[in-house]
PDB file of N, CA and C in Angstrom:
ATOM      1  N   MET A   1     -16.918 -46.935  34.154  1.00  0.00           N
ATOM      2  CA  MET A   1     -18.236 -46.549  33.230  1.00  0.00           C
ATOM      3  C   MET A   1     -18.930 -45.948  34.859  1.00  0.00           C
ATOM      4  N   ILE A   2     -20.118 -45.275  34.596  1.00  0.00           N
ATOM      5  CA  ILE A   2     -20.824 -44.382  35.126  1.00  0.00           C
ATOM      6  C   ILE A   2     -22.153 -45.312  35.927  1.00  0.00           C
ATOM      7  N   SER A   3     -21.769 -45.281  36.820  1.00  0.00           N
ATOM      8  CA  SER A   3     -23.315 -45.575  37.260  1.00  0.00           C
ATOM      9  C   SER A   3     -24.669 -44.852  37.224  1.00  0.00           C
ATOM     10  N   LEU A   4     -25.715 -44.785  37.959  1.00  0.00           N
ATOM     11  CA  LEU A   4     -26.748 -44.241  37.760  1.00  0.00           C
ATOM     12  C   LEU A   4     -27.242 -42.677  38.932  1.00  0.00           C
ATOM     13  N   ILE A   5     -26.051 -42.923  39.710  1.00  0.00           N
ATOM     14  CA  ILE A   5     -26.302 -42.648  40.510  1.00  0.00           C
ATOM     15  C   ILE A   5     -25.431 -41.013  39.749  1.00  0.00           C
ATOM     16  N   GLU A   6     -24.430 -41.136  39.720  1.00  0.00           N
ATOM     17  CA  GLU A   6     -23.631 -40.264  39.135  1.00  0.00           C
ATOM     18  C   GLU A   6     -24.421 -39.481  38.122  1.00  0.00           C
ATOM     19  N   VAL A   7     -24.631 -40.385  36.775  1.00  0.00           N
ATOM     20  CA  VAL A   7     -25.695 -39.495  35.556  1.00  0.00           C
ATOM     21  C   VAL A   7     -26.816 -39.072  36.348  1.00  0.00           C
ATOM     22  N   LEU A   8     -27.454 -39.364  37.106  1.00  0.00           N
ATOM     23  CA  LEU A   8     -28.476 -38.471  37.774  1.00  0.00           C
ATOM     24  C   LEU A   8     -28.311 -37.299  38.461  1.00  0.00           C
ATOM     25  N   GLN A   9     -27.253 -37.201  39.426  1.00  0.00           N
ATOM     26  CA  GLN A   9     -26.045 -36.417  40.149  1.00  0.00           C
ATOM     27  C   GLN A   9     -25.924 -35.203  38.825  1.00  0.00           C
ATOM     28  N   GLN A  10     -25.705 -35.633  37.974  1.00  0.00           N
ATOM     29  CA  GLN A  10     -24.432 -34.514  36.918  1.00  0.00           C
ATOM     30  C   GLN A  10     -26.111 -33.806  36.348  1.00  0.00           C
ATOM     31  N   LEU A  11     -27.228 -35.201  35.869  1.00  0.00           N
ATOM     32  CA  LEU A  11     -28.663 -34.129  35.540  1.00  0.00           C
ATOM     33  C   LEU A  11     -28.730 -33.127  36.025  1.00  0.00           C
ATOM     34  N   ARG A  12     -29.135 -33.693  37.381  1.00  0.00           N
ATOM     35  CA  ARG A  12     -29.356 -32.115  38.688  1.00  0.00           C
ATOM     36  C   ARG A  12     -28.894 -31.664  39.153  1.00  0.00           C
ATOM     37  N   ASN A  13     -27.469 -31.360  38.787  1.00  0.00           N
ATOM     38  CA  ASN A  13     -26.772 -29.970  38.645  1.00  0.00           C
ATOM     39  C   ASN A  13     -26.999 -29.267  37.525  1.00  0.00           C
ATOM     40  N   GLU A  14     -27.115 -29.851  36.365  1.00  0.00           N
ATOM     41  CA  GLU A  14     -27.292 -29.199  34.783  1.00  0.00           C
ATOM     42  C   GLU A  14     -28.538 -28.708  34.980  1.00  0.00           C
ATOM     43  N   ARG A  15     -29.875 -29.324  35.400  1.00  0.00           N
ATOM     44  CA  ARG A  15     -30.993 -28.393  35.635  1.00  0.00           C
ATOM     45  C   ARG A  15     -30.907 -27.194  36.426  1.00  0.00           C
ATOM     46  N   SER A  16     -29.814 -27.469  37.630  1.00  0.00           N
ATOM     47  CA  SER A  16     -30.292 -25.992  38.960  1.00  0.00           C
ATOM     48  C   SER A  16     -29.297 -25.620  38.108  1.00  0.00           C
ATOM     49  N   ARG A  17     -28.562 -25.218  36.979  1.00  0.00           N
ATOM     50  CA  ARG A  17     -27.809 -24.319  36.388  1.00  0.00           C
ATOM     51  C   ARG A  17     -28.103 -23.610  35.260  1.00  0.00           C
ATOM     52  N   ILE A  18     -29.221 -24.263  35.104  1.00  0.00           N
ATOM     53  CA  ILE A  18     -30.299 -24.416  33.769  1.00  0.00           C
ATOM     54  C   ILE A  18     -31.622 -23.785  34.652  1.00  0.00           C
ATOM     55  N   ASP A  19     -32.298 -23.746  35.762  1.00  0.00           N
ATOM     56  CA  ASP A  19     -33.325 -23.045  36.429  1.00  0.00           C
ATOM     57  C   ASP A  19     -32.601 -21.722  36.701  1.00  0.00           C
ATOM     58  N   GLU A  20     -31.354 -21.368  37.655  1.00  0.00           N
ATOM     59  CA  GLU A  20     -30.176 -21.086  37.298  1.00  0.00           C
ATOM     60  C   GLU A  20     -30.335 -19.472  36.622  1.00  0.00           C
ATOM     61  N   ALA A  21     -30.500 -19.634  35.509  1.00  0.00           N
ATOM     62  CA  ALA A  21     -29.990 -19.246  34.247  1.00  0.00           C
ATOM     63  C   ALA A  21     -31.256 -18.706  33.770  1.00  0.00           C
ATOM     64  N   ILE A  22     -32.426 -18.876  33.531  1.00  0.00           N
ATOM     65  CA  ILE A  22     -34.055 -19.199  33.204  1.00  0.00           C
ATOM     66  C   ILE A  22     -34.510 -17.596  34.210  1.00  0.00           C
ATOM     67  N   ALA A  23     -33.625 -17.670  36.224  1.00  0.00           N
ATOM     68  CA  ALA A  23     -34.320 -17.257  36.431  1.00  0.00           C
ATOM     69  C   ALA A  23     -33.756 -15.318  36.163  1.00  0.00           C
ATOM     70  N   ARG A  24     -32.379 -15.496  35.822  1.00  0.00           N
ATOM     71  CA  ARG A  24     -31.171 -14.302  35.569  1.00  0.00           C
ATOM     72  C   ARG A  24     -32.512 -13.743  34.183  1.00  0.00           C
ATOM     73  N   ILE A  25     -32.673 -14.748  33.065  1.00  0.00           N
ATOM     74  CA  ILE A  25     -32.979 -13.845  32.324  1.00  0.00           C
ATOM     75  C   ILE A  25     -34.942 -13.538  32.340  1.00  0.00           C
ATOM     76  N   GLU A  26     -35.637 -13.965  33.768  1.00  0.00           N
ATOM     77  CA  GLU A  26     -36.522 -13.678  33.220  1.00  0.00           C
ATOM     78  C   GLU A  26     -35.942 -12.416  34.370  1.00  0.00           C
ATOM     79  N   SER A  27     -35.605 -12.840  34.849  1.00  0.00           N
ATOM     80  CA  SER A  27     -35.583 -11.251  36.171  1.00  0.00           C
ATOM     81  C   SER A  27     -34.813  -9.947  35.182  1.00  0.00           C
ATOM     82  N   ARG A  28     -33.880 -10.145  33.945  1.00  0.00           N
ATOM     83  CA  ARG A  28     -34.255  -9.477  33.565  1.00  0.00           C
ATOM     84  C   ARG A  28     -35.283  -8.599  32.365  1.00  0.00           C
ATOM     85  N   LEU A  29     -35.771  -9.921  32.062  1.00  0.00           N
ATOM     86  CA  LEU A  29     -37.055  -8.989  31.157  1.00  0.00           C
ATOM     87  C   LEU A  29     -37.922  -8.453  32.214  1.00  0.00           C
ATOM     88  N   THR A  30     -38.125  -8.607  32.847  1.00  0.00           N
ATOM     89  CA  THR A  30     -38.982  -8.625  33.759  1.00  0.00           C
ATOM     90  C   THR A  30     -38.236  -6.653  33.976  1.00  0.00           C
ATOM     91  N   ARG A  31     -37.220  -6.591  34.888  1.00  0.00           N
ATOM     92  CA  ARG A  31     -37.084  -5.281  34.868  1.00  0.00           C
ATOM     93  C   ARG A  31     -36.812  -4.268  33.348  1.00  0.00           C
ATOM     94  N   ALA A  32     -36.965  -4.912  32.446  1.00  0.00           N
ATOM     95  CA  ALA A  32     -36.777  -4.295  31.194  1.00  0.00           C
ATOM     96  C   ALA A  32     -38.286  -3.431  30.517  1.00  0.00           C
ATOM     97  N   ALA A  33     -39.227  -4.282  30.860  1.00  0.00           N
ATOM     98  CA  ALA A  33     -40.755  -4.773  30.543  1.00  0.00           C
ATOM     99  C   ALA A  33     -40.907  -3.663  31.942  1.00  0.00           C
ATOM    100  N   GLY A  34     -40.700  -2.658  32.719  1.00  0.00           N
ATOM    101  CA  GLY A  34     -40.920  -1.790  33.671  1.00  0.00           C
ATOM    102  C   GLY A  34     -41.637  -2.580  34.511  1.00  0.00           C
ATOM    103  N   VAL A  35     -41.781  -3.627  35.131  1.00  0.00           N
ATOM    104  CA  VAL A  35     -42.185  -4.602  36.144  1.00  0.00           C
ATOM    105  C   VAL A  35     -41.859  -4.237  37.785  1.00  0.00           C
ATOM    106  N   HIS A  36     -41.886  -4.057  38.626  1.00  0.00           N
ATOM    107  CA  HIS A  36     -41.560  -3.430  39.383  1.00  0.00           C
ATOM    108  C   HIS A  36     -42.366  -4.509  40.675  1.00  0.00           C
ATOM    109  N   SER A  37     -41.279  -5.106  41.374  1.00  0.00           N
ATOM    110  CA  SER A  37     -42.265  -5.450  42.081  1.00  0.00           C
ATOM    111  C   SER A  37     -42.537  -4.835  43.574  1.00  0.00           C
ATOM    112  N   ASN A  38     -41.883  -3.546  43.812  1.00  0.00           N
ATOM    113  CA  ASN A  38     -42.854  -2.549  44.674  1.00  0.00           C
ATOM    114  C   ASN A  38     -43.884  -1.352  44.462  1.00  0.00           C
ATOM    115  N   GLN A  39     -44.729  -2.337  43.691  1.00  0.00           N
ATOM    116  CA  GLN A  39     -45.728  -1.463  42.858  1.00  0.00           C
ATOM    117  C   GLN A  39     -46.459  -0.510  44.452  1.00  0.00           C
ATOM    118  N   GLY A  40     -46.395  -0.739  45.385  1.00  0.00           N
ATOM    119  CA  GLY A  40     -46.699  -0.078  46.549  1.00  0.00           C
ATOM    120  C   GLY A  40     -46.920   1.672  46.163  1.00  0.00           C
ATOM    121  N   ARG A  41     -45.188   1.764  46.671  1.00  0.00           N
ATOM    122  CA  ARG A  41     -45.509   2.944  46.398  1.00  0.00           C
ATOM    123  C   ARG A  41     -44.405   3.139  45.415  1.00  0.00           C
ATOM    124  N   LYS A  42     -44.806   5.224  45.083  1.00  0.00           N
ATOM    125  CA  LYS A  42     -44.032   5.582  44.237  1.00  0.00           C
ATOM    126  C   LYS A  42     -42.984   6.770  44.612  1.00  0.00           C
ATOM    127  N   GLY A  43     -41.665   6.625  43.909  1.00  0.00           N
ATOM    128  CA  GLY A  43     -41.351   7.724  44.321  1.00  0.00           C
ATOM    129  C   GLY A  43     -41.359   9.333  44.359  1.00  0.00           C
ATOM    130  N   MET A  44     -40.836  10.391  44.628  1.00  0.00           N
ATOM    131  CA  MET A  44     -41.196  11.480  44.823  1.00  0.00           C
ATOM    132  C   MET A  44     -39.872  12.207  43.587  1.00  0.00           C
ATOM    133  N   GLY A  45     -40.582  12.910  43.500  1.00  0.00           N
ATOM    134  CA  GLY A  45     -39.754  14.078  42.542  1.00  0.00           C
ATOM    135  C   GLY A  45     -38.987  15.075  42.880  1.00  0.00           C
ATOM    136  N   GLN A  46     -38.240  15.782  42.588  1.00  0.00           N
ATOM    137  CA  GLN A  46     -37.139  17.088  43.073  1.00  0.00           C
ATOM    138  C   GLN A  46     -38.262  17.857  43.635  1.00  0.00           C
ATOM    139  N   ASP A  47     -39.303  18.833  42.540  1.00  0.00           N
ATOM    140  CA  ASP A  47     -40.370  19.584  42.670  1.00  0.00           C
ATOM    141  C   ASP A  47     -40.944  18.927  43.952  1.00  0.00           C
ATOM    142  N   GLU A  48     -41.626  17.740  43.953  1.00  0.00           N
ATOM    143  CA  GLU A  48     -41.841  17.076  45.370  1.00  0.00           C
ATOM    144  C   GLU A  48     -41.344  16.963  46.037  1.00  0.00           C
ATOM    145  N   ARG A  49     -40.235  17.151  46.168  1.00  0.00           N
ATOM    146  CA  ARG A  49     -39.853  17.057  47.746  1.00  0.00           C
ATOM    147  C   ARG A  49     -39.347  18.595  48.417  1.00  0.00           C
ATOM    148  N   LYS A  50     -39.229  18.957  47.450  1.00  0.00           N
ATOM    149  CA  LYS A  50     -39.267  20.441  47.794  1.00  0.00           C
ATOM    150  C   LYS A  50     -40.094  21.036  48.386  1.00  0.00           C
ATOM    151  N   VAL A  51     -41.311  20.947  47.410  1.00  0.00           N
ATOM    152  CA  VAL A  51     -42.847  20.627  48.817  1.00  0.00           C
ATOM    153  C   VAL A  51     -43.306  20.033  49.300  1.00  0.00           C
ATOM    154  N   VAL A  52     -42.823  18.876  49.388  1.00  0.00           N
ATOM    155  CA  VAL A  52     -43.061  18.365  51.081  1.00  0.00           C
ATOM    156  C   VAL A  52     -41.475  18.969  52.112  1.00  0.00           C
ATOM    157  N   ALA A  53     -40.357  19.630  51.889  1.00  0.00           N
ATOM    158  CA  ALA A  53     -39.785  19.891  52.532  1.00  0.00           C
ATOM    159  C   ALA A  53     -40.362  20.803  53.511  1.00  0.00           C
ATOM    160  N   GLU A  54     -40.872  21.649  52.633  1.00  0.00           N
ATOM    161  CA  GLU A  54     -40.886  23.440  52.653  1.00  0.00           C
ATOM    162  C   GLU A  54     -42.233  23.465  54.151  1.00  0.00           C
ATOM    163  N   ARG A  55     -43.416  22.658  54.092  1.00  0.00           N
ATOM    164  CA  ARG A  55     -44.380  21.848  54.705  1.00  0.00           C
ATOM    165  C   ARG A  55     -43.499  21.599  55.616  1.00  0.00           C
ATOM    166  N   MET A  56     -42.268  20.232  55.901  1.00  0.00           N
ATOM    167  CA  MET A  56     -42.326  20.005  57.271  1.00  0.00           C
ATOM    168  C   MET A  56     -41.525  21.147  58.244  1.00  0.00           C
ATOM    169  N   LYS A  57     -40.553  22.138  57.367  1.00  0.00           N
ATOM    170  CA  LYS A  57     -39.922  22.806  57.715  1.00  0.00           C
ATOM    171  C   LYS A  57     -41.551  24.485  58.389  1.00  0.00           C
ATOM    172  N   ARG A  58     -42.051  24.258  58.519  1.00  0.00           N
ATOM    173  CA  ARG A  58     -43.922  24.464  58.103  1.00  0.00           C
ATOM    174  C   ARG A  58     -44.007  24.122  59.804  1.00  0.00           C
ATOM    175  N   TYR A  59     -44.293  22.707  59.533  1.00  0.00           N
ATOM    176  CA  TYR A  59     -44.417  22.651  60.697  1.00  0.00           C
ATOM    177  C   TYR A  59     -44.400  22.296  61.663  1.00  0.00           C
ATOM    178  N   TRP A  60     -43.176  22.338  61.470  1.00  0.00           N
ATOM    179  CA  TRP A  60     -41.902  21.961  62.530  1.00  0.00           C
ATOM    180  C   TRP A  60     -41.537  23.587  63.379  1.00  0.00           C
ATOM    181  N   GLU A  61     -41.379  25.215  63.200  1.00  0.00           N
ATOM    182  CA  GLU A  61     -41.651  25.841  63.445  1.00  0.00           C
ATOM    183  C   GLU A  61     -42.529  26.217  64.666  1.00  0.00           C
ATOM    184  N   GLN A  62     -43.758  26.322  63.742  1.00  0.00           N
ATOM    185  CA  GLN A  62     -44.945  26.039  64.539  1.00  0.00           C
ATOM    186  C   GLN A  62     -44.760  25.493  65.439  1.00  0.00           C
ATOM    187  N   ARG A  63     -44.206  23.907  65.816  1.00  0.00           N
ATOM    188  CA  ARG A  63     -44.621  23.118  67.133  1.00  0.00           C
ATOM    189  C   ARG A  63     -43.540  23.864  67.589  1.00  0.00           C
ATOM    190  N   ARG A  64     -42.604  24.645  67.539  1.00  0.00           N
ATOM    191  CA  ARG A  64     -40.910  25.266  68.161  1.00  0.00           C
ATOM    192  C   ARG A  64     -42.325  26.073  68.678  1.00  0.00           C
ATOM    193  N   GLN A  65     -42.566  27.149  68.031  1.00  0.00           N
ATOM    194  CA  GLN A  65     -43.389  28.289  69.013  1.00  0.00           C
ATOM    195  C   GLN A  65     -44.052  27.580  70.135  1.00  0.00           C
ATOM    196  N   ALA A  66     -45.217  26.681  69.418  1.00  0.00           N
ATOM    197  CA  ALA A  66     -46.328  26.142  70.845  1.00  0.00           C
ATOM    198  C   ALA A  66     -45.521  25.392  71.743  1.00  0.00           C
ATOM    199  N   ARG A  67     -44.500  25.091  71.639  1.00  0.00           N
ATOM    200  CA  ARG A  67     -44.308  24.750  73.441  1.00  0.00           C
ATOM    201  C   ARG A  67     -43.129  25.960  74.146  1.00  0.00           C
ATOM    202  N   GLY A  68     -43.496  27.534  72.793  1.00  0.00           N
ATOM    203  CA  GLY A  68     -42.543  28.248  73.696  1.00  0.00           C
ATOM    204  C   GLY A  68     -41.567  28.658  73.544  1.00  0.00           C
TER     205      GLY A  68
END
């Protein structure tokens, strides 16, 4: 015969599995909806990277020239 303690342990294990499944589903739903956890910064596109790279090249060239 199964004791109440064993039944409680089985229920807790099942609750844990259900909580994990819910978390996985919620994670997939938020990613599918386009909600991101790192909303503070946006990525740069290829054109933006080229502009920044050229600006930095000029910056470092000016620094080298200033040093002599």
